[in-house]
Amino acid sequence: MVFETEDTIAAIATPYGRSALGTIRISGSDSFPITSKVFVARNDSAITPYRPTLGRILTQSREIDEALLIYFQKPHSYTKEDLIEITCHGNPLILDQVLGSLVSAGARHAKPGEFTYRAFLNGRIDLVQAGAVNDLITADSVYQAELALNQLEGKLSRRFQELRSGFIELISLLEGNIDFSEEQHYNFIDKTETNRRLNELIAQVEGLLGTFERGRLIREGFHVALVGKPNVGKSSLFNALLEESRAIVTAIPGTTRDYLRERMTLGNFLVQLLDTAGVRESGEEIEQEGIRRTRQVIAKADLILFVLDGSGVPDDQDTALWQETEGKDRFIVWNKSDLSGFRESDWAGEASMRVSAMTGNGIQELRSRIQKHMEERVRFNGEDFLISNVRHREILESALLSLRRAGESVKKGMSEEFAMVDLHQALGKVGEITGDVTIEDVYQHIFSNFCIGK
């Protein structure tokens, strides 16, 4: 996707579908003259920046709808260009006609993320904030929205800028050492101070990387997997937790051939709930593939609900599967508590709880326990600086390697030029995060994931 920046763009900025109101957004140097061909103010009143103006939308001298227009004059707009928002009735037929009239008058249909891309190019926001715009729009939980808002307000960006300033200051001091010859007997910074500053920068990067796991769990949600043998009631429990009939349930062992994933919210957290194929010895090719995928889910899960059939006695298959989940956060769920033969034991010496997926008994308590586990694992308030984007983590890891190489060069007494190479690499990497370094394919990737009109 290639963005043009010299023309005027227009798009419907509200979700498609019938609603009371809908908004069309226009941005670019010709926003006002283009809109003037379509919008006529009531009583011939003048359009004043930042004040709502009531008027009519016309096309070929035919009135489409009554509308409210707000003109944001550059640079005081979302894109720092002349920007106009027209709000009319939210019938898709009306919105499409208004947008079509604007395009006929000289505007171009905006691509996904193009308004935010212009805001970035014009210096209103950086890449971290641009990504946060999309995260805020798509947030499914309170913490997701708070984390995105934190980043949109520039709190995380300021941490990256402080880090870059530290790189630039150290580089400038080392450059001074190189520029002044030994005959002048002057050093801007000695080896001890260079080491101290490098260690300080390394600690800052490690500190940011240390926040990623919490940030990831908030942004992506907790992956909670239901794991167990066939026919222990995993799919029934999956449906009960979701409060909808999502998974097929039969008395035939091995009904679930592939894992199912559904999103749900518990408290302030998003949960990615996964129903997996039952693990057992099987010669059937399709079932074997389902079991292989179950093991992949186990490896990536943030929490495992290990489901046992309380109407029977755990066997060697249960024990073997339990051992496969070793090292993961997990707890035992004894299902089928509604059956007369139900008996809960202290199998595996682990804390457990009883439920009935059929009657709903214990389901709310299970939800509460999952929520409590998430709250204990991720403590968050709106002021925390957390990185949550995999791209940011990978860039910081690369920058950390460069910093460590620079430290090794200094410790070995090598010339400042060797450390400078690695420091410049680290500086460039951090610049990629905020957009201070131009990486065109990164821009295209970030903004292509946006909805149209933002």
Protein backbone atom coordinates (compact mmCIF):
# COMPACT_ATOMS: atom_id res chain seq x y z
CA MET A 1 0.00 0.00 0.00
CA VAL A 2 1.41 3.38 -1.07
CA PHE A 3 0.11 6.59 0.48
CA GLU A 4 -0.10 9.86 -1.44
CA THR A 5 0.10 12.96 0.73
CA GLU A 6 -0.50 15.91 -1.58
CA ASP A 7 -4.17 15.33 -2.45
CA THR A 8 -7.36 15.60 -0.40
CA ILE A 9 -8.81 12.40 1.05
CA ALA A 10 -12.29 11.52 2.31
CA ALA A 11 -13.83 8.55 4.10
CA ILE A 12 -16.72 7.47 6.28
CA ALA A 13 -15.27 7.57 9.80
CA THR A 14 -18.05 5.73 11.64
CA PRO A 15 -18.75 1.96 11.50
CA TYR A 16 -20.72 0.82 8.49
CA GLY A 17 -24.36 0.05 9.22
CA ARG A 18 -27.53 1.82 10.21
CA SER A 19 -27.24 4.22 13.13
CA ALA A 20 -28.64 7.51 14.35
CA LEU A 21 -25.62 9.46 13.10
CA GLY A 22 -22.70 8.94 10.76
CA THR A 23 -19.58 11.02 10.11
CA ILE A 24 -17.59 11.65 6.95
CA ARG A 25 -14.07 13.03 7.31
CA ILE A 26 -12.16 15.09 4.71
CA SER A 27 -8.49 16.10 5.01
CA GLY A 28 -6.12 17.99 2.74
CA SER A 29 -5.37 21.42 1.31
CA ASP A 30 -8.57 21.43 -0.78
CA SER A 31 -10.89 20.26 1.98
CA PHE A 32 -12.76 23.54 2.27
CA PRO A 33 -13.31 24.26 -1.46
CA ILE A 34 -14.32 20.64 -2.14
CA THR A 35 -16.78 20.58 0.75
CA SER A 36 -18.23 23.95 -0.30
CA LYS A 37 -19.43 22.30 -3.53
CA VAL A 38 -21.47 19.80 -1.52
CA PHE A 39 -22.48 21.56 1.70
CA VAL A 40 -24.67 24.69 1.89
CA ALA A 41 -25.04 26.39 5.26
CA ARG A 42 -28.52 27.26 6.50
CA ASN A 43 -29.45 30.93 6.21
CA ASP A 44 -26.24 31.48 4.20
CA SER A 45 -24.28 31.66 7.45
CA ALA A 46 -20.48 31.71 7.25
CA ILE A 47 -18.50 28.59 8.13
CA THR A 48 -16.27 29.47 11.09
CA PRO A 49 -13.41 27.18 12.14
CA TYR A 50 -14.10 25.00 15.20
CA ARG A 51 -17.81 25.96 15.36
CA PRO A 52 -20.61 23.60 14.27
CA THR A 53 -22.50 24.80 11.20
CA LEU A 54 -25.93 23.43 10.27
CA GLY A 55 -26.63 23.00 6.58
CA ARG A 56 -27.74 20.80 3.70
CA ILE A 57 -25.88 18.25 1.61
CA LEU A 58 -26.60 18.72 -2.10
CA THR A 59 -25.76 16.67 -5.14
CA GLN A 60 -26.81 17.79 -8.63
CA SER A 61 -29.02 20.42 -6.94
CA ARG A 62 -30.89 17.68 -5.04
CA GLU A 63 -30.86 17.68 -1.25
CA ILE A 64 -29.55 14.46 0.29
CA ASP A 65 -29.75 15.23 4.00
CA GLU A 66 -29.42 17.84 6.68
CA ALA A 67 -25.97 17.81 8.26
CA LEU A 68 -23.68 19.40 10.80
CA LEU A 69 -20.22 20.50 9.66
CA ILE A 70 -17.13 21.28 11.75
CA TYR A 71 -14.07 22.82 10.09
CA PHE A 72 -10.72 22.21 11.79
CA GLN A 73 -8.25 24.67 10.32
CA LYS A 74 -4.61 23.60 10.00
CA PRO A 75 -2.51 23.03 12.02
CA HIS A 76 -5.11 22.54 14.76
CA SER A 77 -6.57 19.27 13.49
CA TYR A 78 -5.98 15.54 13.80
CA THR A 79 -3.85 15.48 10.63
CA LYS A 80 -2.46 19.04 11.04
CA GLU A 81 -4.05 19.70 7.64
CA ASP A 82 -7.35 21.44 6.92
CA LEU A 83 -9.84 18.83 8.08
CA ILE A 84 -13.63 18.79 7.94
CA GLU A 85 -16.09 16.44 9.59
CA ILE A 86 -19.66 16.20 8.31
CA THR A 87 -22.19 14.50 10.57
CA CYS A 88 -25.51 13.44 9.07
CA HIS A 89 -28.03 10.64 9.58
CA GLY A 90 -26.39 7.24 9.78
CA ASN A 91 -28.17 5.51 6.92
CA PRO A 92 -25.49 3.84 4.73
CA LEU A 93 -27.32 5.03 1.60
CA ILE A 94 -26.99 8.65 2.74
CA LEU A 95 -23.37 8.29 3.85
CA ASP A 96 -22.38 6.66 0.56
CA GLN A 97 -24.05 9.47 -1.41
CA VAL A 98 -22.29 12.16 0.65
CA LEU A 99 -18.93 10.45 0.20
CA GLY A 100 -19.59 9.98 -3.52
CA SER A 101 -20.42 13.67 -3.89
CA LEU A 102 -17.16 14.66 -2.17
CA VAL A 103 -15.17 12.35 -4.46
CA SER A 104 -16.94 13.79 -7.51
CA ALA A 105 -16.01 17.26 -6.25
CA GLY A 106 -12.31 16.39 -6.19
CA ALA A 107 -11.53 14.29 -3.11
CA ARG A 108 -10.03 10.79 -3.18
CA HIS A 109 -11.20 7.75 -1.23
CA ALA A 110 -8.88 7.37 1.80
CA LYS A 111 -7.04 4.13 2.39
CA PRO A 112 -6.99 2.34 5.77
CA GLY A 113 -5.00 4.35 8.31
CA GLU A 114 -4.34 7.24 5.93
CA PHE A 115 -5.60 9.99 8.24
CA THR A 116 -3.36 8.75 11.05
CA TYR A 117 -0.47 8.35 8.61
CA ARG A 118 -0.76 12.04 7.75
CA ALA A 119 -0.89 12.90 11.45
CA PHE A 120 2.39 11.00 11.83
CA LEU A 121 4.07 12.57 8.80
CA ASN A 122 3.05 16.05 9.93
CA GLY A 123 4.57 15.51 13.38
CA ARG A 124 1.40 15.38 15.45
CA ILE A 125 2.14 11.86 16.70
CA ASP A 126 4.97 9.34 16.46
CA LEU A 127 4.81 5.66 15.45
CA VAL A 128 4.22 4.46 19.01
CA GLN A 129 1.21 6.77 19.32
CA ALA A 130 -0.01 5.80 15.85
CA GLY A 131 -0.07 2.14 16.83
CA ALA A 132 -1.87 3.06 20.05
CA VAL A 133 -4.68 4.72 18.04
CA ASN A 134 -5.53 1.37 16.45
CA ASP A 135 -5.16 -0.47 19.76
CA LEU A 136 -7.58 1.94 21.42
CA ILE A 137 -10.16 1.49 18.67
CA THR A 138 -9.98 -2.32 18.82
CA ALA A 139 -9.68 -2.68 22.62
CA ASP A 140 -11.89 -5.40 24.15
CA SER A 141 -11.05 -4.84 27.82
CA VAL A 142 -10.62 -1.95 30.23
CA TYR A 143 -6.89 -2.58 30.65
CA GLN A 144 -6.38 -2.77 26.88
CA ALA A 145 -8.02 0.63 26.51
CA GLU A 146 -6.04 2.13 29.42
CA LEU A 147 -2.73 0.81 28.06
CA ALA A 148 -3.50 2.15 24.57
CA LEU A 149 -4.52 5.55 25.98
CA ASN A 150 -1.32 5.67 28.03
CA GLN A 151 0.71 5.16 24.84
CA LEU A 152 -1.45 7.52 22.78
CA GLU A 153 -0.80 10.31 25.28
CA GLY A 154 2.92 9.90 24.61
CA LYS A 155 4.05 8.48 27.96
CA LEU A 156 5.88 5.53 26.43
CA SER A 157 7.20 7.70 23.60
CA ARG A 158 8.85 10.00 26.13
CA ARG A 159 10.69 7.01 27.60
CA PHE A 160 12.03 6.10 24.17
CA GLN A 161 13.03 9.72 23.52
CA GLU A 162 14.89 9.82 26.86
CA LEU A 163 16.69 6.63 25.83
CA ARG A 164 17.63 8.14 22.46
CA SER A 165 18.91 11.28 24.20
CA GLY A 166 21.19 9.09 26.32
CA PHE A 167 22.57 7.43 23.18
CA ILE A 168 23.10 10.78 21.43
CA GLU A 169 24.86 12.33 24.43
CA LEU A 170 27.29 9.43 24.80
CA ILE A 171 27.97 9.33 21.05
CA SER A 172 28.69 13.06 20.99
CA LEU A 173 31.19 12.74 23.86
CA LEU A 174 32.99 9.85 22.15
CA GLU A 175 32.99 11.81 18.88
CA GLY A 176 34.70 14.63 20.79
CA ASN A 177 37.42 12.25 21.96
CA ILE A 178 38.03 11.15 18.37
CA ASP A 179 38.07 14.71 16.98
CA PHE A 180 40.61 15.93 19.53
CA SER A 181 43.98 14.32 18.93
CA GLU A 182 46.08 12.82 21.71
CA GLU A 183 48.51 15.74 21.39
CA GLN A 184 45.88 18.06 22.81
CA HIS A 185 45.70 15.90 25.95
CA TYR A 186 41.95 16.30 26.38
CA ASN A 187 39.17 13.73 26.69
CA PHE A 188 35.50 14.62 26.83
CA ILE A 189 34.80 11.28 28.56
CA ASP A 190 37.08 8.64 30.04
CA LYS A 191 36.75 4.86 30.02
CA THR A 192 35.20 4.64 33.50
CA GLU A 193 32.46 7.15 32.68
CA THR A 194 31.85 5.50 29.31
CA ASN A 195 31.34 2.16 31.04
CA ARG A 196 29.01 3.72 33.58
CA ARG A 197 26.87 5.33 30.91
CA LEU A 198 26.76 2.18 28.81
CA ASN A 199 25.66 0.12 31.82
CA GLU A 200 22.99 2.71 32.57
CA LEU A 201 21.67 2.52 28.99
CA ILE A 202 21.73 -1.29 29.12
CA ALA A 203 19.74 -1.21 32.37
CA GLN A 204 17.15 1.13 30.81
CA VAL A 205 16.67 -1.15 27.79
CA GLU A 206 16.50 -4.26 29.98
CA GLY A 207 13.95 -2.49 32.17
CA LEU A 208 11.72 -1.75 29.18
CA LEU A 209 12.07 -5.33 27.91
CA GLY A 210 11.11 -6.56 31.36
CA THR A 211 7.68 -4.94 30.98
CA PHE A 212 6.84 -6.78 27.76
CA GLU A 213 5.24 -9.87 29.27
CA ARG A 214 2.74 -7.81 31.25
CA GLY A 215 2.10 -5.59 28.25
CA ARG A 216 1.58 -8.59 25.97
CA LEU A 217 -0.92 -10.21 28.32
CA ILE A 218 -2.92 -6.98 28.44
CA ARG A 219 -2.76 -6.27 24.70
CA GLU A 220 -3.22 -9.83 23.37
CA GLY A 221 -5.15 -11.30 26.28
CA PHE A 222 -4.50 -14.39 28.41
CA HIS A 223 -4.46 -17.63 26.42
CA VAL A 224 -6.44 -20.00 28.65
CA ALA A 225 -6.51 -23.57 27.33
CA LEU A 226 -8.86 -26.39 28.32
CA VAL A 227 -6.74 -29.55 28.29
CA GLY A 228 -7.59 -33.17 29.06
CA LYS A 229 -8.43 -36.62 27.72
CA PRO A 230 -11.32 -37.10 25.30
CA ASN A 231 -14.82 -37.06 26.82
CA VAL A 232 -13.95 -35.32 30.09
CA GLY A 233 -16.27 -32.45 29.12
CA LYS A 234 -13.85 -29.83 27.79
CA SER A 235 -16.19 -28.64 25.03
CA SER A 236 -19.16 -28.50 27.40
CA LEU A 237 -17.04 -26.47 29.83
CA PHE A 238 -15.92 -24.23 26.96
CA ASN A 239 -19.56 -23.50 26.11
CA ALA A 240 -20.47 -22.95 29.77
CA LEU A 241 -17.67 -20.41 30.30
CA LEU A 242 -18.69 -18.54 27.14
CA GLU A 243 -22.40 -18.86 27.96
CA GLU A 244 -23.11 -19.91 24.40
CA SER A 245 -23.17 -23.14 22.41
CA ARG A 246 -19.95 -22.64 20.46
CA ALA A 247 -18.35 -26.10 20.45
CA ILE A 248 -20.01 -29.31 19.22
CA VAL A 249 -20.68 -31.68 22.12
CA THR A 250 -21.34 -35.42 21.69
CA ALA A 251 -20.81 -38.60 23.71
CA ILE A 252 -18.38 -39.83 21.05
CA PRO A 253 -14.73 -39.56 22.22
CA GLY A 254 -12.57 -37.40 19.95
CA THR A 255 -15.36 -35.13 18.66
CA THR A 256 -13.08 -32.07 18.81
CA ARG A 257 -10.50 -32.50 16.03
CA ASP A 258 -8.97 -29.01 16.12
CA TYR A 259 -8.78 -26.31 18.76
CA LEU A 260 -11.43 -23.60 18.97
CA ARG A 261 -10.69 -20.05 20.08
CA GLU A 262 -13.15 -17.48 21.43
CA ARG A 263 -12.67 -14.13 23.16
CA MET A 264 -14.27 -13.23 26.46
CA THR A 265 -13.73 -10.52 29.06
CA LEU A 266 -13.20 -11.22 32.76
CA GLY A 267 -12.91 -8.14 34.94
CA ASN A 268 -10.45 -5.79 33.25
CA PHE A 269 -8.78 -8.51 31.17
CA LEU A 270 -9.30 -10.08 27.77
CA VAL A 271 -9.25 -13.88 27.71
CA GLN A 272 -8.51 -15.98 24.63
CA LEU A 273 -10.29 -19.20 25.61
CA LEU A 274 -9.18 -22.34 23.74
CA ASP A 275 -10.94 -25.69 23.56
CA THR A 276 -8.49 -28.42 22.50
CA ALA A 277 -8.71 -31.92 21.10
CA GLY A 278 -8.52 -34.66 23.72
CA VAL A 279 -5.08 -36.24 24.01
CA ARG A 280 -4.90 -40.04 23.79
CA GLU A 281 -3.21 -42.78 21.79
CA SER A 282 -4.83 -42.85 18.36
CA GLY A 283 -4.05 -44.33 14.97
CA GLU A 284 -6.43 -42.03 13.09
CA GLU A 285 -4.56 -39.45 11.02
CA ILE A 286 -7.01 -36.56 11.56
CA GLU A 287 -7.18 -37.12 15.32
CA GLN A 288 -3.38 -37.32 15.50
CA GLU A 289 -3.15 -33.90 13.82
CA GLY A 290 -5.65 -32.51 16.33
CA ILE A 291 -3.55 -33.86 19.20
CA ARG A 292 -0.40 -32.33 17.67
CA ARG A 293 -2.13 -28.95 17.59
CA THR A 294 -3.27 -29.40 21.18
CA ARG A 295 0.38 -29.76 22.19
CA GLN A 296 1.18 -26.53 20.33
CA VAL A 297 -1.57 -24.77 22.29
CA ILE A 298 -0.20 -26.16 25.57
CA ALA A 299 3.25 -24.76 24.75
CA LYS A 300 1.86 -21.25 24.16
CA ALA A 301 -0.85 -21.16 26.84
CA ASP A 302 -0.64 -18.62 29.67
CA LEU A 303 -2.95 -20.72 31.87
CA ILE A 304 -4.10 -24.33 31.56
CA LEU A 305 -7.38 -25.61 32.95
CA PHE A 306 -6.63 -29.31 33.30
CA VAL A 307 -10.02 -31.01 33.04
CA LEU A 308 -10.67 -34.36 34.75
CA ASP A 309 -13.81 -36.50 34.72
CA GLY A 310 -14.89 -36.66 38.36
CA SER A 311 -17.22 -39.58 37.68
CA GLY A 312 -14.21 -41.82 37.09
CA VAL A 313 -10.67 -42.36 38.39
CA PRO A 314 -7.67 -40.61 36.76
CA ASP A 315 -5.56 -43.09 34.81
CA ASP A 316 -2.13 -43.28 33.20
CA GLN A 317 -3.25 -41.12 30.26
CA ASP A 318 -4.24 -38.35 32.67
CA THR A 319 -0.89 -38.64 34.44
CA ALA A 320 1.10 -38.56 31.20
CA LEU A 321 -0.79 -35.49 29.95
CA TRP A 322 -0.39 -33.77 33.32
CA GLN A 323 3.36 -34.26 33.05
CA GLU A 324 3.30 -32.63 29.59
CA THR A 325 1.95 -29.44 31.17
CA GLU A 326 4.77 -29.28 33.72
CA GLY A 327 6.11 -25.77 34.19
CA LYS A 328 2.96 -24.02 33.00
CA ASP A 329 0.51 -22.05 35.15
CA ARG A 330 -2.33 -24.53 35.66
CA PHE A 331 -5.02 -25.81 37.93
CA ILE A 332 -7.27 -28.83 37.98
CA VAL A 333 -10.97 -28.67 37.18
CA TRP A 334 -13.03 -31.69 38.21
CA ASN A 335 -15.98 -31.77 35.83
CA LYS A 336 -19.32 -33.68 35.96
CA SER A 337 -20.05 -32.89 39.60
CA ASP A 338 -23.73 -33.43 38.81
CA LEU A 339 -23.26 -37.20 38.37
CA SER A 340 -23.99 -39.54 41.25
CA GLY A 341 -20.60 -41.25 41.03
CA PHE A 342 -18.67 -37.98 41.28
CA ARG A 343 -15.72 -37.96 43.67
CA GLU A 344 -13.07 -35.24 43.85
CA SER A 345 -9.63 -36.32 45.07
CA ASP A 346 -6.29 -34.65 45.78
CA TRP A 347 -4.88 -36.18 42.57
CA ALA A 348 -1.44 -34.78 41.66
CA GLY A 349 -1.37 -32.93 44.98
CA GLU A 350 -2.66 -29.78 43.28
CA ALA A 351 -5.38 -27.40 44.38
CA SER A 352 -8.55 -28.01 42.39
CA MET A 353 -12.19 -27.08 42.06
CA ARG A 354 -15.38 -28.88 41.10
CA VAL A 355 -17.80 -27.84 38.38
CA SER A 356 -20.65 -29.16 36.31
CA ALA A 357 -20.64 -27.92 32.73
CA MET A 358 -24.14 -29.39 32.34
CA THR A 359 -25.85 -27.63 35.29
CA GLY A 360 -23.57 -24.60 35.52
CA ASN A 361 -22.63 -25.39 39.11
CA GLY A 362 -19.21 -23.90 39.94
CA ILE A 363 -18.83 -22.07 36.61
CA GLN A 364 -18.98 -18.60 38.12
CA GLU A 365 -16.45 -19.64 40.76
CA LEU A 366 -14.18 -20.91 37.97
CA ARG A 367 -14.45 -17.57 36.16
CA SER A 368 -13.57 -15.78 39.42
CA ARG A 369 -10.55 -17.99 39.93
CA ILE A 370 -9.27 -17.33 36.39
CA GLN A 371 -9.75 -13.60 36.97
CA LYS A 372 -7.92 -13.71 40.28
CA HIS A 373 -5.00 -15.53 38.66
CA MET A 374 -4.77 -12.85 35.97
CA GLU A 375 -4.88 -10.04 38.52
CA GLU A 376 -2.08 -11.66 40.53
CA ARG A 377 0.08 -12.17 37.45
CA VAL A 378 -0.46 -8.73 35.90
CA ARG A 379 -0.65 -5.74 38.20
CA PHE A 380 -1.35 -2.63 36.17
CA ASN A 381 -2.34 0.96 36.64
CA GLY A 382 -2.79 3.64 34.00
CA GLU A 383 0.60 5.21 34.80
CA ASP A 384 2.69 2.09 34.10
CA PHE A 385 5.15 2.21 31.19
CA LEU A 386 4.70 -1.11 29.42
CA ILE A 387 5.80 -2.17 25.97
CA SER A 388 3.18 -4.44 24.46
CA ASN A 389 4.13 -4.59 20.79
CA VAL A 390 6.23 -7.50 19.50
CA ARG A 391 7.93 -5.16 17.00
CA HIS A 392 9.09 -2.90 19.85
CA ARG A 393 10.43 -5.87 21.80
CA GLU A 394 12.40 -7.23 18.84
CA ILE A 395 13.92 -3.83 18.10
CA LEU A 396 14.91 -3.31 21.75
CA GLU A 397 16.49 -6.78 21.88
CA SER A 398 18.56 -5.88 18.81
CA ALA A 399 19.55 -2.54 20.38
CA LEU A 400 20.55 -4.35 23.58
CA LEU A 401 22.92 -6.63 21.66
CA SER A 402 24.55 -3.59 20.07
CA LEU A 403 24.95 -1.92 23.47
CA ARG A 404 26.56 -5.02 24.93
CA ARG A 405 28.99 -5.23 22.02
CA ALA A 406 29.90 -1.58 22.61
CA GLY A 407 30.52 -2.38 26.27
CA GLU A 408 32.80 -5.26 25.36
CA SER A 409 34.80 -3.00 23.03
CA VAL A 410 35.33 -0.46 25.82
CA LYS A 411 36.32 -3.12 28.36
CA LYS A 412 38.92 -4.52 25.96
CA GLY A 413 40.45 -1.06 25.54
CA MET A 414 39.63 -0.86 21.85
CA SER A 415 39.44 2.48 20.05
CA GLU A 416 36.27 4.56 20.48
CA GLU A 417 35.40 3.97 16.82
CA PHE A 418 34.46 0.34 17.56
CA ALA A 419 32.00 1.28 20.31
CA MET A 420 30.67 4.10 18.14
CA VAL A 421 29.61 1.70 15.37
CA ASP A 422 27.49 -0.32 17.79
CA LEU A 423 26.09 2.77 19.52
CA HIS A 424 24.96 4.20 16.19
CA GLN A 425 23.27 0.89 15.41
CA ALA A 426 21.46 0.94 18.77
CA LEU A 427 20.43 4.56 18.22
CA GLY A 428 19.03 3.73 14.80
CA LYS A 429 17.07 0.79 16.20
CA VAL A 430 15.36 2.89 18.87
CA GLY A 431 14.62 5.48 16.19
CA GLU A 432 12.70 2.82 14.25
CA ILE A 433 10.29 2.47 17.18
CA THR A 434 9.20 6.09 17.23
CA GLY A 435 9.66 6.77 13.52
CA ASP A 436 12.68 9.04 13.86
CA VAL A 437 14.36 6.73 11.36
CA THR A 438 12.51 6.32 8.06
CA ILE A 439 11.65 2.67 7.40
CA GLU A 440 9.00 2.79 4.66
CA ASP A 441 7.93 -0.87 4.81
CA VAL A 442 7.41 -0.56 8.57
CA TYR A 443 5.11 2.42 8.01
CA GLN A 444 3.07 0.55 5.44
CA HIS A 445 2.68 -2.46 7.74
CA ILE A 446 1.52 -0.39 10.71
CA PHE A 447 -1.03 1.78 8.93
CA SER A 448 -2.44 -0.93 6.66
CA ASN A 449 -3.98 -2.57 9.74
CA PHE A 450 -6.16 0.47 10.50
CA CYS A 451 -9.82 0.85 9.67
CA ILE A 452 -10.75 3.25 6.86
CA GLY A 453 -11.50 6.76 8.11
CA LYS A 454 -8.85 6.75 10.87
